[in-house]
Amino acid sequence: MKGLKPVLLLIGVMLVGSGCASWSHGWDMKPYKASGKRDLDEVKEYAERLEQAAVTRPQVQNLIKQLKYIVGAEPDNFDATVKLSQAWIVKAIGHPRDTGEQGDSLRRAITLAERAMSLNPDFLAAVRAVPKGKVSDAVSTLDASYAPAVATWSLATMLYFEESLSEVLKITNSEVLDDVQVALSWMEEKAPDYNGHVVLALKGMAAAVRSGADMVCVSANFDAAVQASPDSMLNLWLRSKYLYRNFGDKVSERTDLKAIRDLKVEHSPGFTPLNRMIRLMAEKKYKH
């Protein structure tokens, strides 16, 4: 009987941990309502100023508030919807109070990125035509102008998978990464140069977070991303965290953190608040 206890415990853990990685899909999302009567142009100008400075938790939360108002006033505003998704990612990686809040922020980011894709009527029709439709069922309907939404969705989804799911849930929800892989293949075809060739770093991340990943096998895409865009803080950060840190290469991790620290935020491609947060995290990590 004693020998059965570890087995029963393992079964219990798996039953408790069983389930699926889920979020409210963007194509089912009800549009925000802009509360209060504010001058929309002034809100947009304020949001732009915040975008250039936001780094603390209150600043990032304020940016989210302003972008949410813009999206509420203009439900079809693609750029604002994508930026709102990205702002939730910034909050998730830089200012989570706990893993629960981090997961909630990332789910919001995923939903909003899907909402941005769903502004394309062909995408919306395609994803709704399939029972339990996924991004991979409809991404082929998009053109390159939707790369910001697809890249943001891919990043948020993989961050959620790696940072918010238990090891058991990662095993039982590996199809999430299959969905991401289809989106990244679309990016390689439609927008390979977008945001400092970020698709290469995202492909590296997709391989690195899979169960049984091997450092040698997953390093090529990370290295190609950094070589193609050495001024990309996001590419460097993804390599430092999901290649070098995951596989215990502290020397190479510190080299990438130093490279991030030495870059100027305004010269790095991508969402400025995300770059600023990446640099702040790199500075803190490099000190230790």
C-alpha atoms as a PDB file:
ATOM      1  CA  MET A   1       0.000   0.000   0.000  1.00  0.00           C
ATOM      2  CA  LYS A   2       2.865   2.366   0.773  1.00  0.00           C
ATOM      3  CA  GLY A   3       4.058   2.079  -2.805  1.00  0.00           C
ATOM      4  CA  LEU A   4       0.693   3.227  -4.066  1.00  0.00           C
ATOM      5  CA  LYS A   5       0.778   6.565  -2.261  1.00  0.00           C
ATOM      6  CA  PRO A   6       3.167   8.374  -4.653  1.00  0.00           C
ATOM      7  CA  VAL A   7       1.194   7.053  -7.623  1.00  0.00           C
ATOM      8  CA  LEU A   8      -2.118   8.156  -6.135  1.00  0.00           C
ATOM      9  CA  LEU A   9      -0.633  11.550  -5.312  1.00  0.00           C
ATOM     10  CA  LEU A  10       0.581  11.975  -8.893  1.00  0.00           C
ATOM     11  CA  ILE A  11      -2.833  11.018 -10.253  1.00  0.00           C
ATOM     12  CA  GLY A  12      -4.449  13.501  -7.885  1.00  0.00           C
ATOM     13  CA  VAL A  13      -2.150  16.294  -8.985  1.00  0.00           C
ATOM     14  CA  MET A  14      -2.860  15.543 -12.632  1.00  0.00           C
ATOM     15  CA  LEU A  15      -6.597  15.534 -12.054  1.00  0.00           C
ATOM     16  CA  VAL A  16      -6.465  18.832 -10.212  1.00  0.00           C
ATOM     17  CA  GLY A  17      -4.194  20.323 -12.841  1.00  0.00           C
ATOM     18  CA  SER A  18      -6.123  18.955 -15.792  1.00  0.00           C
ATOM     19  CA  GLY A  19      -8.050  21.410 -17.889  1.00  0.00           C
ATOM     20  CA  CYS A  20      -7.349  23.772 -20.696  1.00  0.00           C
ATOM     21  CA  ALA A  21      -5.635  27.063 -21.262  1.00  0.00           C
ATOM     22  CA  SER A  22      -8.513  29.373 -22.078  1.00  0.00           C
ATOM     23  CA  TRP A  23      -9.441  33.008 -22.467  1.00  0.00           C
ATOM     24  CA  SER A  24     -12.319  35.041 -23.851  1.00  0.00           C
ATOM     25  CA  HIS A  25     -11.776  35.142 -27.586  1.00  0.00           C
ATOM     26  CA  GLY A  26     -11.514  38.505 -29.270  1.00  0.00           C
ATOM     27  CA  TRP A  27     -14.064  37.647 -31.942  1.00  0.00           C
ATOM     28  CA  ASP A  28     -16.658  37.218 -29.173  1.00  0.00           C
ATOM     29  CA  MET A  29     -15.586  40.345 -27.317  1.00  0.00           C
ATOM     30  CA  LYS A  30     -18.167  43.036 -26.709  1.00  0.00           C
ATOM     31  CA  PRO A  31     -16.851  46.495 -27.649  1.00  0.00           C
ATOM     32  CA  TYR A  32     -15.757  48.730 -24.800  1.00  0.00           C
ATOM     33  CA  LYS A  33     -17.920  51.717 -23.962  1.00  0.00           C
ATOM     34  CA  ALA A  34     -16.137  55.019 -23.521  1.00  0.00           C
ATOM     35  CA  SER A  35     -17.428  56.391 -20.229  1.00  0.00           C
ATOM     36  CA  GLY A  36     -17.727  60.128 -19.789  1.00  0.00           C
ATOM     37  CA  LYS A  37     -17.526  62.917 -22.329  1.00  0.00           C
ATOM     38  CA  ARG A  38     -13.901  63.642 -23.109  1.00  0.00           C
ATOM     39  CA  ASP A  39     -12.263  65.252 -26.094  1.00  0.00           C
ATOM     40  CA  LEU A  40     -11.018  62.258 -28.073  1.00  0.00           C
ATOM     41  CA  ASP A  41      -8.160  64.157 -29.691  1.00  0.00           C
ATOM     42  CA  GLU A  42      -6.935  65.239 -26.268  1.00  0.00           C
ATOM     43  CA  VAL A  43      -7.127  61.658 -25.012  1.00  0.00           C
ATOM     44  CA  LYS A  44      -5.084  60.490 -27.992  1.00  0.00           C
ATOM     45  CA  GLU A  45      -2.455  63.162 -27.396  1.00  0.00           C
ATOM     46  CA  TYR A  46      -2.282  62.237 -23.723  1.00  0.00           C
ATOM     47  CA  ALA A  47      -1.935  58.554 -24.597  1.00  0.00           C
ATOM     48  CA  GLU A  48       0.920  59.377 -26.970  1.00  0.00           C
ATOM     49  CA  ARG A  49       2.731  61.278 -24.222  1.00  0.00           C
ATOM     50  CA  LEU A  50       2.232  58.393 -21.829  1.00  0.00           C
ATOM     51  CA  GLU A  51       3.521  56.001 -24.456  1.00  0.00           C
ATOM     52  CA  GLN A  52       6.790  57.910 -24.535  1.00  0.00           C
ATOM     53  CA  ALA A  53       7.233  57.858 -20.757  1.00  0.00           C
ATOM     54  CA  ALA A  54       5.260  55.033 -19.123  1.00  0.00           C
ATOM     55  CA  VAL A  55       7.340  52.632 -17.045  1.00  0.00           C
ATOM     56  CA  THR A  56       5.979  52.577 -13.472  1.00  0.00           C
ATOM     57  CA  ARG A  57       2.910  50.544 -12.590  1.00  0.00           C
ATOM     58  CA  PRO A  58       0.649  53.641 -12.226  1.00  0.00           C
ATOM     59  CA  GLN A  59       1.925  55.021 -15.548  1.00  0.00           C
ATOM     60  CA  VAL A  60       1.324  51.752 -17.385  1.00  0.00           C
ATOM     61  CA  GLN A  61      -2.111  51.417 -15.803  1.00  0.00           C
ATOM     62  CA  ASN A  62      -2.910  54.981 -16.863  1.00  0.00           C
ATOM     63  CA  LEU A  63      -1.805  54.213 -20.416  1.00  0.00           C
ATOM     64  CA  ILE A  64      -4.137  51.213 -20.409  1.00  0.00           C
ATOM     65  CA  LYS A  65      -6.957  53.454 -19.188  1.00  0.00           C
ATOM     66  CA  GLN A  66      -6.447  56.006 -21.975  1.00  0.00           C
ATOM     67  CA  LEU A  67      -6.111  53.393 -24.706  1.00  0.00           C
ATOM     68  CA  LYS A  68      -9.219  51.652 -23.430  1.00  0.00           C
ATOM     69  CA  TYR A  69     -11.126  54.926 -23.749  1.00  0.00           C
ATOM     70  CA  ILE A  70      -9.896  55.366 -27.324  1.00  0.00           C
ATOM     71  CA  VAL A  71     -10.915  51.822 -28.255  1.00  0.00           C
ATOM     72  CA  GLY A  72     -14.283  52.412 -26.603  1.00  0.00           C
ATOM     73  CA  ALA A  73     -14.830  55.566 -28.639  1.00  0.00           C
ATOM     74  CA  GLU A  74     -13.454  54.011 -31.827  1.00  0.00           C
ATOM     75  CA  PRO A  75     -14.103  50.244 -31.749  1.00  0.00           C
ATOM     76  CA  ASP A  76     -12.554  49.819 -35.199  1.00  0.00           C
ATOM     77  CA  ASN A  77      -9.298  51.566 -34.284  1.00  0.00           C
ATOM     78  CA  PHE A  78      -6.801  48.825 -35.119  1.00  0.00           C
ATOM     79  CA  ASP A  79      -3.673  50.629 -33.909  1.00  0.00           C
ATOM     80  CA  ALA A  80      -5.171  51.543 -30.529  1.00  0.00           C
ATOM     81  CA  THR A  81      -6.477  48.005 -30.037  1.00  0.00           C
ATOM     82  CA  VAL A  82      -3.041  46.516 -30.702  1.00  0.00           C
ATOM     83  CA  LYS A  83      -1.361  49.053 -28.427  1.00  0.00           C
ATOM     84  CA  LEU A  84      -3.845  48.258 -25.668  1.00  0.00           C
ATOM     85  CA  SER A  85      -2.956  44.589 -26.025  1.00  0.00           C
ATOM     86  CA  GLN A  86       0.737  45.457 -25.874  1.00  0.00           C
ATOM     87  CA  ALA A  87       0.216  47.634 -22.802  1.00  0.00           C
ATOM     88  CA  TRP A  88      -1.300  44.663 -20.976  1.00  0.00           C
ATOM     89  CA  ILE A  89       1.822  42.673 -21.879  1.00  0.00           C
ATOM     90  CA  VAL A  90       3.969  45.435 -20.384  1.00  0.00           C
ATOM     91  CA  LYS A  91       1.978  45.259 -17.169  1.00  0.00           C
ATOM     92  CA  ALA A  92       2.194  41.464 -17.134  1.00  0.00           C
ATOM     93  CA  ILE A  93       5.965  41.229 -17.487  1.00  0.00           C
ATOM     94  CA  GLY A  94       6.909  44.329 -15.523  1.00  0.00           C
ATOM     95  CA  HIS A  95       4.362  44.889 -12.775  1.00  0.00           C
ATOM     96  CA  PRO A  96       2.472  41.736 -11.808  1.00  0.00           C
ATOM     97  CA  ARG A  97       1.499  41.556  -8.140  1.00  0.00           C
ATOM     98  CA  ASP A  98       1.395  37.780  -8.432  1.00  0.00           C
ATOM     99  CA  THR A  99       1.133  35.011 -11.008  1.00  0.00           C
ATOM    100  CA  GLY A 100      -2.656  35.272 -10.973  1.00  0.00           C
ATOM    101  CA  GLU A 101      -2.606  38.922 -11.972  1.00  0.00           C
ATOM    102  CA  GLN A 102       0.078  38.223 -14.544  1.00  0.00           C
ATOM    103  CA  GLY A 103      -2.052  35.530 -16.140  1.00  0.00           C
ATOM    104  CA  ASP A 104      -5.083  37.816 -16.157  1.00  0.00           C
ATOM    105  CA  SER A 105      -3.107  40.586 -17.875  1.00  0.00           C
ATOM    106  CA  LEU A 106      -1.812  38.192 -20.521  1.00  0.00           C
ATOM    107  CA  ARG A 107      -5.278  36.787 -21.198  1.00  0.00           C
ATOM    108  CA  ARG A 108      -6.516  40.341 -21.732  1.00  0.00           C
ATOM    109  CA  ALA A 109      -3.633  40.939 -24.140  1.00  0.00           C
ATOM    110  CA  ILE A 110      -4.492  37.790 -26.090  1.00  0.00           C
ATOM    111  CA  THR A 111      -8.175  38.715 -26.320  1.00  0.00           C
ATOM    112  CA  LEU A 112      -7.423  42.222 -27.565  1.00  0.00           C
ATOM    113  CA  ALA A 113      -4.957  41.003 -30.188  1.00  0.00           C
ATOM    114  CA  GLU A 114      -7.647  38.617 -31.415  1.00  0.00           C
ATOM    115  CA  ARG A 115     -10.083  41.512 -31.421  1.00  0.00           C
ATOM    116  CA  ALA A 116      -7.673  43.463 -33.635  1.00  0.00           C
ATOM    117  CA  MET A 117      -7.487  40.559 -36.098  1.00  0.00           C
ATOM    118  CA  SER A 118     -11.274  40.263 -36.007  1.00  0.00           C
ATOM    119  CA  LEU A 119     -11.618  43.790 -37.374  1.00  0.00           C
ATOM    120  CA  ASN A 120     -10.940  42.093 -40.700  1.00  0.00           C
ATOM    121  CA  PRO A 121     -14.340  40.753 -41.851  1.00  0.00           C
ATOM    122  CA  ASP A 122     -12.779  37.833 -43.735  1.00  0.00           C
ATOM    123  CA  PHE A 123     -10.907  36.720 -40.622  1.00  0.00           C
ATOM    124  CA  LEU A 124     -14.041  37.064 -38.522  1.00  0.00           C
ATOM    125  CA  ALA A 125     -16.099  34.992 -40.954  1.00  0.00           C
ATOM    126  CA  ALA A 126     -13.420  32.308 -41.213  1.00  0.00           C
ATOM    127  CA  VAL A 127     -12.878  31.884 -37.475  1.00  0.00           C
ATOM    128  CA  ARG A 128     -16.609  31.749 -36.809  1.00  0.00           C
ATOM    129  CA  ALA A 129     -17.147  29.203 -39.577  1.00  0.00           C
ATOM    130  CA  VAL A 130     -15.229  26.578 -37.593  1.00  0.00           C
ATOM    131  CA  PRO A 131     -16.575  25.071 -34.364  1.00  0.00           C
ATOM    132  CA  LYS A 132     -14.319  26.315 -31.572  1.00  0.00           C
ATOM    133  CA  GLY A 133     -12.384  28.321 -34.143  1.00  0.00           C
ATOM    134  CA  LYS A 134      -8.789  29.338 -33.505  1.00  0.00           C
ATOM    135  CA  VAL A 135      -6.437  31.946 -34.909  1.00  0.00           C
ATOM    136  CA  SER A 136      -4.784  29.242 -36.994  1.00  0.00           C
ATOM    137  CA  ASP A 137      -8.106  28.599 -38.740  1.00  0.00           C
ATOM    138  CA  ALA A 138      -8.355  32.151 -40.049  1.00  0.00           C
ATOM    139  CA  VAL A 139      -4.958  33.859 -40.062  1.00  0.00           C
ATOM    140  CA  SER A 140      -4.472  33.066 -43.758  1.00  0.00           C
ATOM    141  CA  THR A 141      -7.229  35.581 -44.585  1.00  0.00           C
ATOM    142  CA  LEU A 142      -5.130  38.486 -43.300  1.00  0.00           C
ATOM    143  CA  ASP A 143      -2.687  40.652 -45.217  1.00  0.00           C
ATOM    144  CA  ALA A 144       0.635  41.993 -43.964  1.00  0.00           C
ATOM    145  CA  SER A 145      -0.960  45.064 -42.372  1.00  0.00           C
ATOM    146  CA  TYR A 146      -2.218  42.789 -39.593  1.00  0.00           C
ATOM    147  CA  ALA A 147       1.297  41.717 -38.591  1.00  0.00           C
ATOM    148  CA  PRO A 148       1.236  43.889 -35.426  1.00  0.00           C
ATOM    149  CA  ALA A 149      -1.810  41.998 -34.154  1.00  0.00           C
ATOM    150  CA  VAL A 150      -0.476  38.563 -35.100  1.00  0.00           C
ATOM    151  CA  ALA A 151       2.947  39.210 -33.557  1.00  0.00           C
ATOM    152  CA  THR A 152       1.420  40.623 -30.374  1.00  0.00           C
ATOM    153  CA  TRP A 153      -0.976  37.689 -30.112  1.00  0.00           C
ATOM    154  CA  SER A 154       1.851  35.195 -30.594  1.00  0.00           C
ATOM    155  CA  LEU A 155       3.999  36.847 -27.925  1.00  0.00           C
ATOM    156  CA  ALA A 156       1.159  37.147 -25.407  1.00  0.00           C
ATOM    157  CA  THR A 157       0.037  33.568 -25.998  1.00  0.00           C
ATOM    158  CA  MET A 158       3.504  32.120 -25.488  1.00  0.00           C
ATOM    159  CA  LEU A 159       4.124  34.258 -22.411  1.00  0.00           C
ATOM    160  CA  TYR A 160       0.838  33.001 -20.994  1.00  0.00           C
ATOM    161  CA  PHE A 161       1.765  29.408 -21.835  1.00  0.00           C
ATOM    162  CA  GLU A 162       5.226  29.601 -20.300  1.00  0.00           C
ATOM    163  CA  GLU A 163       4.683  31.919 -17.337  1.00  0.00           C
ATOM    164  CA  SER A 164       1.114  31.181 -16.229  1.00  0.00           C
ATOM    165  CA  LEU A 165       0.461  27.482 -16.835  1.00  0.00           C
ATOM    166  CA  SER A 166       1.533  24.681 -14.546  1.00  0.00           C
ATOM    167  CA  GLU A 167       3.830  22.010 -15.936  1.00  0.00           C
ATOM    168  CA  VAL A 168       0.877  19.622 -16.171  1.00  0.00           C
ATOM    169  CA  LEU A 169      -1.212  22.164 -18.077  1.00  0.00           C
ATOM    170  CA  LYS A 170       1.672  22.795 -20.462  1.00  0.00           C
ATOM    171  CA  ILE A 171       1.656  19.111 -21.364  1.00  0.00           C
ATOM    172  CA  THR A 172      -2.110  18.905 -21.790  1.00  0.00           C
ATOM    173  CA  ASN A 173      -2.308  22.165 -23.751  1.00  0.00           C
ATOM    174  CA  SER A 174       0.634  21.839 -26.121  1.00  0.00           C
ATOM    175  CA  GLU A 175      -1.756  22.498 -29.020  1.00  0.00           C
ATOM    176  CA  VAL A 176      -1.599  26.167 -28.028  1.00  0.00           C
ATOM    177  CA  LEU A 177       1.935  26.218 -29.403  1.00  0.00           C
ATOM    178  CA  ASP A 178       0.749  24.501 -32.578  1.00  0.00           C
ATOM    179  CA  ASP A 179      -1.727  27.349 -33.052  1.00  0.00           C
ATOM    180  CA  VAL A 180       1.064  29.880 -32.552  1.00  0.00           C
ATOM    181  CA  GLN A 181       3.284  28.056 -35.020  1.00  0.00           C
ATOM    182  CA  VAL A 182       0.692  28.504 -37.773  1.00  0.00           C
ATOM    183  CA  ALA A 183       0.539  32.224 -37.004  1.00  0.00           C
ATOM    184  CA  LEU A 184       4.331  32.502 -37.125  1.00  0.00           C
ATOM    185  CA  SER A 185       4.458  30.667 -40.448  1.00  0.00           C
ATOM    186  CA  TRP A 186       1.995  33.252 -41.750  1.00  0.00           C
ATOM    187  CA  MET A 187       4.283  36.023 -40.482  1.00  0.00           C
ATOM    188  CA  GLU A 188       7.311  34.481 -42.161  1.00  0.00           C
ATOM    189  CA  GLU A 189       5.448  34.564 -45.448  1.00  0.00           C
ATOM    190  CA  LYS A 190       3.605  37.881 -45.169  1.00  0.00           C
ATOM    191  CA  ALA A 191       5.745  40.097 -42.923  1.00  0.00           C
ATOM    192  CA  PRO A 192       9.186  38.578 -42.281  1.00  0.00           C
ATOM    193  CA  ASP A 193      10.829  41.961 -41.635  1.00  0.00           C
ATOM    194  CA  TYR A 194       8.172  43.291 -39.263  1.00  0.00           C
ATOM    195  CA  ASN A 195       9.413  44.830 -36.010  1.00  0.00           C
ATOM    196  CA  GLY A 196      13.063  43.910 -36.387  1.00  0.00           C
ATOM    197  CA  HIS A 197      12.479  40.395 -37.755  1.00  0.00           C
ATOM    198  CA  VAL A 198      10.747  39.546 -34.491  1.00  0.00           C
ATOM    199  CA  VAL A 199       9.161  36.482 -36.085  1.00  0.00           C
ATOM    200  CA  LEU A 200      12.552  34.759 -35.849  1.00  0.00           C
ATOM    201  CA  ALA A 201      12.806  35.395 -32.107  1.00  0.00           C
ATOM    202  CA  LEU A 202       9.202  34.296 -31.643  1.00  0.00           C
ATOM    203  CA  LYS A 203       9.931  31.085 -33.539  1.00  0.00           C
ATOM    204  CA  GLY A 204      12.872  30.531 -31.236  1.00  0.00           C
ATOM    205  CA  MET A 205      10.658  31.060 -28.210  1.00  0.00           C
ATOM    206  CA  ALA A 206       8.021  28.675 -29.576  1.00  0.00           C
ATOM    207  CA  ALA A 207      10.664  25.968 -29.856  1.00  0.00           C
ATOM    208  CA  ALA A 208      12.331  26.760 -26.527  1.00  0.00           C
ATOM    209  CA  VAL A 209       9.195  26.496 -24.389  1.00  0.00           C
ATOM    210  CA  ARG A 210       8.174  23.116 -25.773  1.00  0.00           C
ATOM    211  CA  SER A 211       8.684  20.105 -23.573  1.00  0.00           C
ATOM    212  CA  GLY A 212      12.027  18.443 -24.249  1.00  0.00           C
ATOM    213  CA  ALA A 213      13.530  21.439 -26.047  1.00  0.00           C
ATOM    214  CA  ASP A 214      17.263  21.275 -26.746  1.00  0.00           C
ATOM    215  CA  MET A 215      19.402  24.423 -26.590  1.00  0.00           C
ATOM    216  CA  VAL A 216      21.402  23.590 -29.703  1.00  0.00           C
ATOM    217  CA  CYS A 217      18.266  22.940 -31.728  1.00  0.00           C
ATOM    218  CA  VAL A 218      16.424  26.124 -30.720  1.00  0.00           C
ATOM    219  CA  SER A 219      19.283  28.637 -30.809  1.00  0.00           C
ATOM    220  CA  ALA A 220      19.383  29.215 -34.581  1.00  0.00           C
ATOM    221  CA  ASN A 221      16.242  31.355 -34.827  1.00  0.00           C
ATOM    222  CA  PHE A 222      17.169  33.435 -31.776  1.00  0.00           C
ATOM    223  CA  ASP A 223      20.631  34.078 -33.193  1.00  0.00           C
ATOM    224  CA  ALA A 224      19.235  34.921 -36.625  1.00  0.00           C
ATOM    225  CA  ALA A 225      16.801  37.413 -35.060  1.00  0.00           C
ATOM    226  CA  VAL A 226      19.551  39.229 -33.159  1.00  0.00           C
ATOM    227  CA  GLN A 227      21.855  39.245 -36.177  1.00  0.00           C
ATOM    228  CA  ALA A 228      19.097  40.608 -38.421  1.00  0.00           C
ATOM    229  CA  SER A 229      18.152  43.351 -35.953  1.00  0.00           C
ATOM    230  CA  PRO A 230      20.846  43.900 -33.298  1.00  0.00           C
ATOM    231  CA  ASP A 231      19.022  47.017 -32.065  1.00  0.00           C
ATOM    232  CA  SER A 232      15.879  45.064 -31.156  1.00  0.00           C
ATOM    233  CA  MET A 233      15.505  44.931 -27.382  1.00  0.00           C
ATOM    234  CA  LEU A 234      12.698  42.416 -27.698  1.00  0.00           C
ATOM    235  CA  ASN A 235      14.787  39.975 -29.737  1.00  0.00           C
ATOM    236  CA  LEU A 236      17.661  40.217 -27.260  1.00  0.00           C
ATOM    237  CA  TRP A 237      15.366  39.854 -24.263  1.00  0.00           C
ATOM    238  CA  LEU A 238      13.607  36.802 -25.665  1.00  0.00           C
ATOM    239  CA  ARG A 239      16.965  35.161 -26.360  1.00  0.00           C
ATOM    240  CA  SER A 240      18.386  36.023 -22.952  1.00  0.00           C
ATOM    241  CA  LYS A 241      15.336  34.735 -21.081  1.00  0.00           C
ATOM    242  CA  TYR A 242      14.021  31.806 -23.088  1.00  0.00           C
ATOM    243  CA  LEU A 243      17.275  30.477 -24.485  1.00  0.00           C
ATOM    244  CA  TYR A 244      20.138  31.364 -22.172  1.00  0.00           C
ATOM    245  CA  ARG A 245      18.311  31.587 -18.841  1.00  0.00           C
ATOM    246  CA  ASN A 246      16.130  28.559 -19.517  1.00  0.00           C
ATOM    247  CA  PHE A 247      19.184  26.476 -20.356  1.00  0.00           C
ATOM    248  CA  GLY A 248      21.432  27.889 -17.631  1.00  0.00           C
ATOM    249  CA  ASP A 249      23.924  29.835 -19.771  1.00  0.00           C
ATOM    250  CA  LYS A 250      24.454  32.738 -17.368  1.00  0.00           C
ATOM    251  CA  VAL A 251      27.436  34.205 -19.224  1.00  0.00           C
ATOM    252  CA  SER A 252      25.546  34.579 -22.496  1.00  0.00           C
ATOM    253  CA  GLU A 253      22.477  35.823 -20.645  1.00  0.00           C
ATOM    254  CA  ARG A 254      24.494  38.637 -19.066  1.00  0.00           C
ATOM    255  CA  THR A 255      25.987  39.502 -22.449  1.00  0.00           C
ATOM    256  CA  ASP A 256      22.504  40.009 -23.906  1.00  0.00           C
ATOM    257  CA  LEU A 257      21.352  41.946 -20.844  1.00  0.00           C
ATOM    258  CA  LYS A 258      24.333  44.267 -21.230  1.00  0.00           C
ATOM    259  CA  ALA A 259      23.520  44.713 -24.920  1.00  0.00           C
ATOM    260  CA  ILE A 260      19.958  45.707 -23.992  1.00  0.00           C
ATOM    261  CA  ARG A 261      21.229  48.105 -21.342  1.00  0.00           C
ATOM    262  CA  ASP A 262      23.511  49.786 -23.879  1.00  0.00           C
ATOM    263  CA  LEU A 263      20.744  50.360 -26.440  1.00  0.00           C
ATOM    264  CA  LYS A 264      18.603  53.484 -26.594  1.00  0.00           C
ATOM    265  CA  VAL A 265      14.875  52.908 -26.276  1.00  0.00           C
ATOM    266  CA  GLU A 266      14.046  55.395 -29.013  1.00  0.00           C
ATOM    267  CA  HIS A 267      16.296  53.580 -31.488  1.00  0.00           C
ATOM    268  CA  SER A 268      14.831  50.139 -30.888  1.00  0.00           C
ATOM    269  CA  PRO A 269      11.929  48.907 -33.044  1.00  0.00           C
ATOM    270  CA  GLY A 270       8.609  48.053 -31.479  1.00  0.00           C
ATOM    271  CA  PHE A 271       6.250  49.336 -28.787  1.00  0.00           C
ATOM    272  CA  THR A 272       8.143  51.957 -26.777  1.00  0.00           C
ATOM    273  CA  PRO A 273       6.708  51.081 -23.329  1.00  0.00           C
ATOM    274  CA  LEU A 274       7.635  47.431 -23.881  1.00  0.00           C
ATOM    275  CA  ASN A 275      11.178  48.374 -24.840  1.00  0.00           C
ATOM    276  CA  ARG A 276      11.439  50.655 -21.828  1.00  0.00           C
ATOM    277  CA  MET A 277      10.247  47.874 -19.527  1.00  0.00           C
ATOM    278  CA  ILE A 278      12.650  45.377 -21.093  1.00  0.00           C
ATOM    279  CA  ARG A 279      15.533  47.763 -20.536  1.00  0.00           C
ATOM    280  CA  LEU A 280      14.513  48.375 -16.922  1.00  0.00           C
ATOM    281  CA  MET A 281      14.338  44.633 -16.256  1.00  0.00           C
ATOM    282  CA  ALA A 282      17.693  44.117 -17.968  1.00  0.00           C
ATOM    283  CA  GLU A 283      19.315  46.813 -15.834  1.00  0.00           C
ATOM    284  CA  LYS A 284      17.990  45.236 -12.636  1.00  0.00           C
ATOM    285  CA  LYS A 285      18.964  41.721 -13.674  1.00  0.00           C
ATOM    286  CA  TYR A 286      22.437  42.770 -14.833  1.00  0.00           C
ATOM    287  CA  LYS A 287      23.254  44.212 -11.398  1.00  0.00           C
ATOM    288  CA  HIS A 288      22.812  40.829  -9.717  1.00  0.00           C
END
